[in-house]
Amino acid sequence: MSDDVTGRVRFRDIKPIEAPLSLDELQGPYEGLVDLPHSVRWQADRLGVDVSNPGWRRMAYQALLAEGTVDEQRHVMNRERLVESWPVLNMDPRVRSLWEGRFPQLRVAV
């Protein structure tokens, strides 16, 4: 999508985003600590993220949805936690559209 006034194309509109083929592939821990890959989150708080804590889980899942590869999503995200958290996750509309298009059960959770 380009900006109609300037003809500018924004990176976020063309950046590749990934999602697994099935939510069942998301085998990360339901609770406890995870380390986010540096490629997903550059800040020091990426290590020892407690996914039992809703705020930390929200940060981690938002980063993984926007920046993570399918392999990273599989290993860190948990299917049940994603479904529980979906209504409060903030993300680019393209990311939300991809995931809700592939997994209609997420739309129901909103």
N, C-alpha and C. Protein backbone atom coordinates (compact mmCIF):
# COMPACT_ATOMS: atom_id res chain seq x y z
N MET A 1 0.86 -1.16 0.00
CA MET A 1 0.00 0.00 0.00
C MET A 1 0.90 1.23 0.00
N SER A 2 0.61 2.16 -0.83
CA SER A 2 1.42 3.37 -0.87
C SER A 2 0.60 4.55 -0.35
N ASP A 3 1.30 5.56 0.05
CA ASP A 3 0.68 6.80 0.50
C ASP A 3 0.23 7.54 -0.76
N ASP A 4 -1.07 7.71 -0.96
CA ASP A 4 -1.61 8.30 -2.18
C ASP A 4 -1.10 9.71 -2.45
N VAL A 5 -0.80 10.46 -1.41
CA VAL A 5 -0.38 11.84 -1.58
C VAL A 5 1.06 11.91 -2.07
N THR A 6 1.95 11.12 -1.48
CA THR A 6 3.36 11.20 -1.83
C THR A 6 3.83 10.06 -2.71
N GLY A 7 3.04 9.02 -2.85
CA GLY A 7 3.46 7.84 -3.60
C GLY A 7 4.48 7.00 -2.84
N ARG A 8 4.68 7.33 -1.58
CA ARG A 8 5.65 6.63 -0.75
C ARG A 8 5.14 5.26 -0.35
N VAL A 9 6.01 4.27 -0.39
CA VAL A 9 5.69 2.93 0.08
C VAL A 9 6.36 2.75 1.43
N ARG A 10 5.57 2.36 2.42
CA ARG A 10 6.12 2.15 3.76
C ARG A 10 6.60 0.70 3.89
N PHE A 11 7.72 0.52 4.58
CA PHE A 11 8.29 -0.81 4.77
C PHE A 11 7.30 -1.73 5.45
N ARG A 12 6.57 -1.23 6.43
CA ARG A 12 5.63 -2.09 7.15
C ARG A 12 4.54 -2.64 6.24
N ASP A 13 4.31 -1.99 5.10
CA ASP A 13 3.28 -2.47 4.17
C ASP A 13 3.78 -3.55 3.23
N ILE A 14 5.09 -3.74 3.15
CA ILE A 14 5.63 -4.76 2.25
C ILE A 14 6.50 -5.78 2.98
N LYS A 15 6.78 -5.54 4.27
CA LYS A 15 7.62 -6.45 5.05
C LYS A 15 6.96 -7.82 5.14
N PRO A 16 7.70 -8.87 4.84
CA PRO A 16 7.12 -10.21 4.96
C PRO A 16 6.75 -10.52 6.41
N ILE A 17 5.62 -11.16 6.60
CA ILE A 17 5.21 -11.63 7.93
C ILE A 17 4.92 -13.11 7.81
N GLU A 18 5.12 -13.83 8.90
CA GLU A 18 4.99 -15.28 8.87
C GLU A 18 3.96 -15.75 9.89
N ALA A 19 3.41 -16.92 9.59
CA ALA A 19 2.49 -17.61 10.50
C ALA A 19 2.55 -19.09 10.17
N PRO A 20 2.42 -19.95 11.17
CA PRO A 20 2.43 -21.39 10.91
C PRO A 20 1.17 -21.80 10.15
N LEU A 21 1.15 -23.04 9.69
CA LEU A 21 -0.02 -23.55 8.98
C LEU A 21 -1.13 -23.96 9.94
N SER A 22 -0.76 -24.25 11.19
CA SER A 22 -1.73 -24.69 12.19
C SER A 22 -1.36 -24.09 13.55
N LEU A 23 -2.37 -23.71 14.32
CA LEU A 23 -2.11 -23.23 15.67
C LEU A 23 -1.52 -24.34 16.54
N ASP A 24 -1.79 -25.59 16.19
CA ASP A 24 -1.26 -26.71 16.96
C ASP A 24 0.27 -26.78 16.90
N GLU A 25 0.87 -26.09 15.96
CA GLU A 25 2.33 -26.05 15.87
C GLU A 25 2.94 -25.21 16.98
N LEU A 26 2.16 -24.36 17.62
CA LEU A 26 2.67 -23.47 18.66
C LEU A 26 2.83 -24.25 19.96
N GLN A 27 4.03 -24.73 20.19
CA GLN A 27 4.32 -25.64 21.30
C GLN A 27 5.15 -25.01 22.41
N GLY A 28 5.19 -23.69 22.47
CA GLY A 28 5.95 -23.02 23.53
C GLY A 28 5.30 -23.26 24.88
N PRO A 29 5.97 -22.85 25.94
CA PRO A 29 5.45 -23.08 27.29
C PRO A 29 4.20 -22.26 27.59
N TYR A 30 3.30 -22.86 28.36
CA TYR A 30 2.10 -22.16 28.79
C TYR A 30 2.43 -21.15 29.88
N GLU A 31 3.44 -21.48 30.70
CA GLU A 31 3.89 -20.58 31.74
C GLU A 31 5.39 -20.74 31.91
N GLY A 32 5.99 -19.80 32.61
CA GLY A 32 7.43 -19.87 32.84
C GLY A 32 8.19 -18.86 32.01
N LEU A 33 9.49 -19.06 31.95
CA LEU A 33 10.38 -18.11 31.30
C LEU A 33 10.78 -18.55 29.90
N VAL A 34 10.84 -17.57 29.00
CA VAL A 34 11.33 -17.81 27.64
C VAL A 34 12.32 -16.70 27.29
N ASP A 35 13.18 -17.01 26.35
CA ASP A 35 14.09 -16.02 25.79
C ASP A 35 13.65 -15.73 24.37
N LEU A 36 13.46 -14.46 24.06
CA LEU A 36 13.12 -14.07 22.70
C LEU A 36 14.39 -13.93 21.88
N PRO A 37 14.35 -14.36 20.64
CA PRO A 37 15.53 -14.19 19.78
C PRO A 37 15.85 -12.70 19.60
N HIS A 38 17.11 -12.39 19.46
CA HIS A 38 17.54 -11.01 19.25
C HIS A 38 16.89 -10.42 18.01
N SER A 39 16.66 -11.24 17.00
CA SER A 39 16.04 -10.76 15.76
C SER A 39 14.59 -10.35 15.95
N VAL A 40 13.98 -10.79 17.05
CA VAL A 40 12.58 -10.48 17.34
C VAL A 40 12.46 -9.26 18.24
N ARG A 41 13.33 -9.17 19.22
CA ARG A 41 13.30 -8.03 20.16
C ARG A 41 14.74 -7.71 20.52
N TRP A 42 15.10 -6.46 20.35
CA TRP A 42 16.49 -6.06 20.49
C TRP A 42 16.83 -5.61 21.90
N GLN A 43 15.88 -5.32 22.74
CA GLN A 43 16.14 -4.81 24.08
C GLN A 43 16.59 -5.95 25.01
N ALA A 44 17.23 -5.56 26.10
CA ALA A 44 17.73 -6.53 27.07
C ALA A 44 16.60 -7.30 27.74
N ASP A 45 15.40 -6.73 27.78
CA ASP A 45 14.28 -7.41 28.45
C ASP A 45 13.75 -8.60 27.63
N ARG A 46 14.44 -8.97 26.58
CA ARG A 46 14.03 -10.11 25.75
C ARG A 46 14.40 -11.45 26.40
N LEU A 47 15.28 -11.42 27.40
CA LEU A 47 15.73 -12.64 28.06
C LEU A 47 14.96 -12.85 29.36
N GLY A 48 14.56 -14.09 29.60
CA GLY A 48 13.84 -14.40 30.83
C GLY A 48 12.46 -13.77 30.90
N VAL A 49 11.76 -13.74 29.78
CA VAL A 49 10.40 -13.18 29.74
C VAL A 49 9.44 -14.18 30.38
N ASP A 50 8.71 -13.74 31.38
CA ASP A 50 7.76 -14.62 32.08
C ASP A 50 6.42 -14.60 31.37
N VAL A 51 6.14 -15.66 30.60
CA VAL A 51 4.88 -15.71 29.86
C VAL A 51 3.68 -16.01 30.76
N SER A 52 3.94 -16.26 32.04
CA SER A 52 2.84 -16.39 33.01
C SER A 52 2.24 -15.02 33.32
N ASN A 53 3.02 -13.98 33.13
CA ASN A 53 2.61 -12.61 33.41
C ASN A 53 1.95 -12.02 32.16
N PRO A 54 0.69 -11.59 32.24
CA PRO A 54 -0.01 -11.11 31.04
C PRO A 54 0.70 -9.97 30.31
N GLY A 55 1.28 -9.04 31.03
CA GLY A 55 1.97 -7.92 30.38
C GLY A 55 3.21 -8.36 29.62
N TRP A 56 4.01 -9.21 30.24
CA TRP A 56 5.21 -9.70 29.57
C TRP A 56 4.85 -10.60 28.39
N ARG A 57 3.82 -11.43 28.58
CA ARG A 57 3.37 -12.31 27.49
C ARG A 57 2.89 -11.46 26.32
N ARG A 58 2.16 -10.42 26.61
CA ARG A 58 1.66 -9.53 25.54
C ARG A 58 2.82 -8.95 24.74
N MET A 59 3.84 -8.46 25.43
CA MET A 59 5.01 -7.91 24.75
C MET A 59 5.68 -8.97 23.88
N ALA A 60 5.88 -10.16 24.44
CA ALA A 60 6.56 -11.23 23.72
C ALA A 60 5.77 -11.67 22.49
N TYR A 61 4.48 -11.89 22.66
CA TYR A 61 3.67 -12.38 21.55
C TYR A 61 3.53 -11.33 20.45
N GLN A 62 3.38 -10.09 20.83
CA GLN A 62 3.29 -9.02 19.82
C GLN A 62 4.58 -8.98 19.00
N ALA A 63 5.72 -9.11 19.66
CA ALA A 63 7.01 -9.10 18.97
C ALA A 63 7.14 -10.31 18.05
N LEU A 64 6.74 -11.48 18.53
CA LEU A 64 6.84 -12.69 17.72
C LEU A 64 5.90 -12.66 16.53
N LEU A 65 4.71 -12.12 16.71
CA LEU A 65 3.77 -12.02 15.59
C LEU A 65 4.29 -11.08 14.51
N ALA A 66 4.91 -9.98 14.93
CA ALA A 66 5.38 -8.98 13.98
C ALA A 66 6.72 -9.33 13.36
N GLU A 67 7.62 -9.93 14.14
CA GLU A 67 9.00 -10.10 13.70
C GLU A 67 9.48 -11.54 13.62
N GLY A 68 8.74 -12.46 14.22
CA GLY A 68 9.23 -13.82 14.34
C GLY A 68 9.06 -14.67 13.10
N THR A 69 9.98 -15.62 12.94
CA THR A 69 9.83 -16.63 11.90
C THR A 69 8.86 -17.70 12.42
N VAL A 70 8.38 -18.53 11.53
CA VAL A 70 7.49 -19.61 11.96
C VAL A 70 8.20 -20.49 12.99
N ASP A 71 9.47 -20.79 12.77
CA ASP A 71 10.20 -21.63 13.72
C ASP A 71 10.27 -20.97 15.09
N GLU A 72 10.54 -19.67 15.14
CA GLU A 72 10.58 -18.96 16.42
C GLU A 72 9.21 -18.95 17.08
N GLN A 73 8.16 -18.73 16.31
CA GLN A 73 6.80 -18.74 16.84
C GLN A 73 6.46 -20.12 17.41
N ARG A 74 6.82 -21.17 16.70
CA ARG A 74 6.55 -22.54 17.15
C ARG A 74 7.17 -22.84 18.51
N HIS A 75 8.40 -22.38 18.70
CA HIS A 75 9.14 -22.74 19.91
C HIS A 75 8.84 -21.87 21.12
N VAL A 76 8.33 -20.66 20.90
CA VAL A 76 8.12 -19.75 22.03
C VAL A 76 6.63 -19.57 22.35
N MET A 77 5.80 -19.48 21.33
CA MET A 77 4.38 -19.22 21.57
C MET A 77 3.63 -20.51 21.90
N ASN A 78 2.61 -20.37 22.71
CA ASN A 78 1.76 -21.49 23.10
C ASN A 78 0.36 -21.26 22.53
N ARG A 79 -0.20 -22.28 21.93
CA ARG A 79 -1.51 -22.16 21.28
C ARG A 79 -2.57 -21.60 22.21
N GLU A 80 -2.73 -22.20 23.38
CA GLU A 80 -3.78 -21.76 24.31
C GLU A 80 -3.55 -20.33 24.78
N ARG A 81 -2.30 -20.01 25.08
CA ARG A 81 -2.00 -18.65 25.52
C ARG A 81 -2.26 -17.63 24.42
N LEU A 82 -1.96 -18.00 23.17
CA LEU A 82 -2.23 -17.07 22.07
C LEU A 82 -3.72 -16.80 21.97
N VAL A 83 -4.53 -17.84 22.01
CA VAL A 83 -5.99 -17.66 21.91
C VAL A 83 -6.50 -16.82 23.07
N GLU A 84 -6.01 -17.07 24.28
CA GLU A 84 -6.41 -16.27 25.45
C GLU A 84 -6.01 -14.81 25.31
N SER A 85 -4.83 -14.58 24.78
CA SER A 85 -4.27 -13.23 24.72
C SER A 85 -4.72 -12.43 23.51
N TRP A 86 -5.20 -13.10 22.48
CA TRP A 86 -5.49 -12.44 21.20
C TRP A 86 -6.28 -11.14 21.33
N PRO A 87 -7.34 -11.09 22.14
CA PRO A 87 -8.14 -9.85 22.21
C PRO A 87 -7.37 -8.62 22.69
N VAL A 88 -6.28 -8.80 23.41
CA VAL A 88 -5.56 -7.64 23.94
C VAL A 88 -4.25 -7.35 23.21
N LEU A 89 -3.95 -8.11 22.18
CA LEU A 89 -2.70 -7.90 21.45
C LEU A 89 -2.85 -6.75 20.47
N ASN A 90 -1.86 -5.88 20.45
CA ASN A 90 -1.82 -4.77 19.49
C ASN A 90 -0.85 -5.15 18.39
N MET A 91 -1.31 -5.05 17.14
CA MET A 91 -0.44 -5.40 16.03
C MET A 91 -0.87 -4.68 14.77
N ASP A 92 0.02 -4.66 13.83
CA ASP A 92 -0.25 -4.08 12.53
C ASP A 92 -1.46 -4.79 11.92
N PRO A 93 -2.34 -4.07 11.24
CA PRO A 93 -3.52 -4.71 10.63
C PRO A 93 -3.16 -5.84 9.67
N ARG A 94 -2.02 -5.76 8.99
CA ARG A 94 -1.62 -6.85 8.09
C ARG A 94 -1.35 -8.14 8.86
N VAL A 95 -0.72 -8.01 10.03
CA VAL A 95 -0.44 -9.18 10.85
C VAL A 95 -1.75 -9.77 11.35
N ARG A 96 -2.63 -8.93 11.87
CA ARG A 96 -3.92 -9.42 12.37
C ARG A 96 -4.71 -10.09 11.24
N SER A 97 -4.70 -9.50 10.07
CA SER A 97 -5.44 -10.05 8.94
C SER A 97 -4.90 -11.43 8.53
N LEU A 98 -3.58 -11.56 8.48
CA LEU A 98 -2.98 -12.86 8.12
C LEU A 98 -3.38 -13.93 9.13
N TRP A 99 -3.20 -13.64 10.41
CA TRP A 99 -3.48 -14.64 11.44
C TRP A 99 -4.96 -14.95 11.54
N GLU A 100 -5.82 -13.95 11.51
CA GLU A 100 -7.26 -14.22 11.60
C GLU A 100 -7.79 -14.87 10.32
N GLY A 101 -7.18 -14.55 9.19
CA GLY A 101 -7.58 -15.21 7.95
C GLY A 101 -7.22 -16.68 7.94
N ARG A 102 -6.07 -17.00 8.50
CA ARG A 102 -5.61 -18.39 8.55
C ARG A 102 -6.28 -19.16 9.69
N PHE A 103 -6.59 -18.45 10.78
CA PHE A 103 -7.13 -19.10 11.98
C PHE A 103 -8.40 -18.37 12.40
N PRO A 104 -9.55 -18.71 11.81
CA PRO A 104 -10.80 -18.02 12.12
C PRO A 104 -11.18 -18.06 13.60
N GLN A 105 -10.70 -19.06 14.33
CA GLN A 105 -11.02 -19.12 15.76
C GLN A 105 -10.46 -17.93 16.53
N LEU A 106 -9.46 -17.27 16.00
CA LEU A 106 -8.96 -16.05 16.66
C LEU A 106 -9.96 -14.91 16.52
N ARG A 107 -10.63 -14.82 15.39
CA ARG A 107 -11.64 -13.77 15.22
C ARG A 107 -12.75 -13.92 16.23
N VAL A 108 -13.13 -15.12 16.52
CA VAL A 108 -14.21 -15.39 17.48
C VAL A 108 -13.78 -14.94 18.88
N ALA A 109 -12.48 -15.03 19.18
CA ALA A 109 -11.99 -14.70 20.51
C ALA A 109 -12.02 -13.21 20.78
N VAL A 110 -12.14 -12.39 19.74
CA VAL A 110 -12.08 -10.94 19.92
C VAL A 110 -13.39 -10.42 20.45
